[in-house]
Amino acid sequence: MAKLPIYNIDFHGYKRDKDVEKLPTYSGIYMIYRCTYNAETNMVTLKELFYIGKATNLHDEVNYHKYRKEFLKQAQPGEEICYAYAEVSKVQYDIIENALIFMNKPSFNEVLRDNYKHQDAEFHFSGKCKKLVYKDFQIVDEVIIPLQQQK
């Protein structure tokens, strides 16, 4: 088997919706979660990853997304919306977005949930990316293969 291309992505966040104006302007991938916020610890507790997207400009895409109002309505009483984001080049963000959606099947993503349209590859996600089914995996012939964590 030929050596697979490897993608290493480091997510930042979790940016609460009240701070959405502070998102960076670089290209990348973003994930939207339902969460609760604890003011005493200044921490969020993630409830559900419900959308994954890509953007040429993360700030503008998230702030002016055509479904932004619908995203905000996903929060249940006592919850809010928060974001994780990673800088990814425009050359790579299609494959990474597709892999994340194919693996996680977020409820708001209808396209790309059931098929992987790119070359076989290996993916490693780190940083603020809780609620992912796997952080390290390969996709070969549209089959997700989890990779064991190295200790």
Foldseek 3Di string as FASTA:
>chain_A
DDDFAEAEWEKDDFAFPVCLLPDFFAWWKKWKFKWAADPVVRDIDTDFTADIDTDRTSSCCQVPPPCNVVSQVVHDVRIGMTMMITHDDPVPHVQVRLVQCCQQVHNVDPPSVPFRDDAKHWYAYHYPDPPGPARTWIQDPNDTGHDDDDD
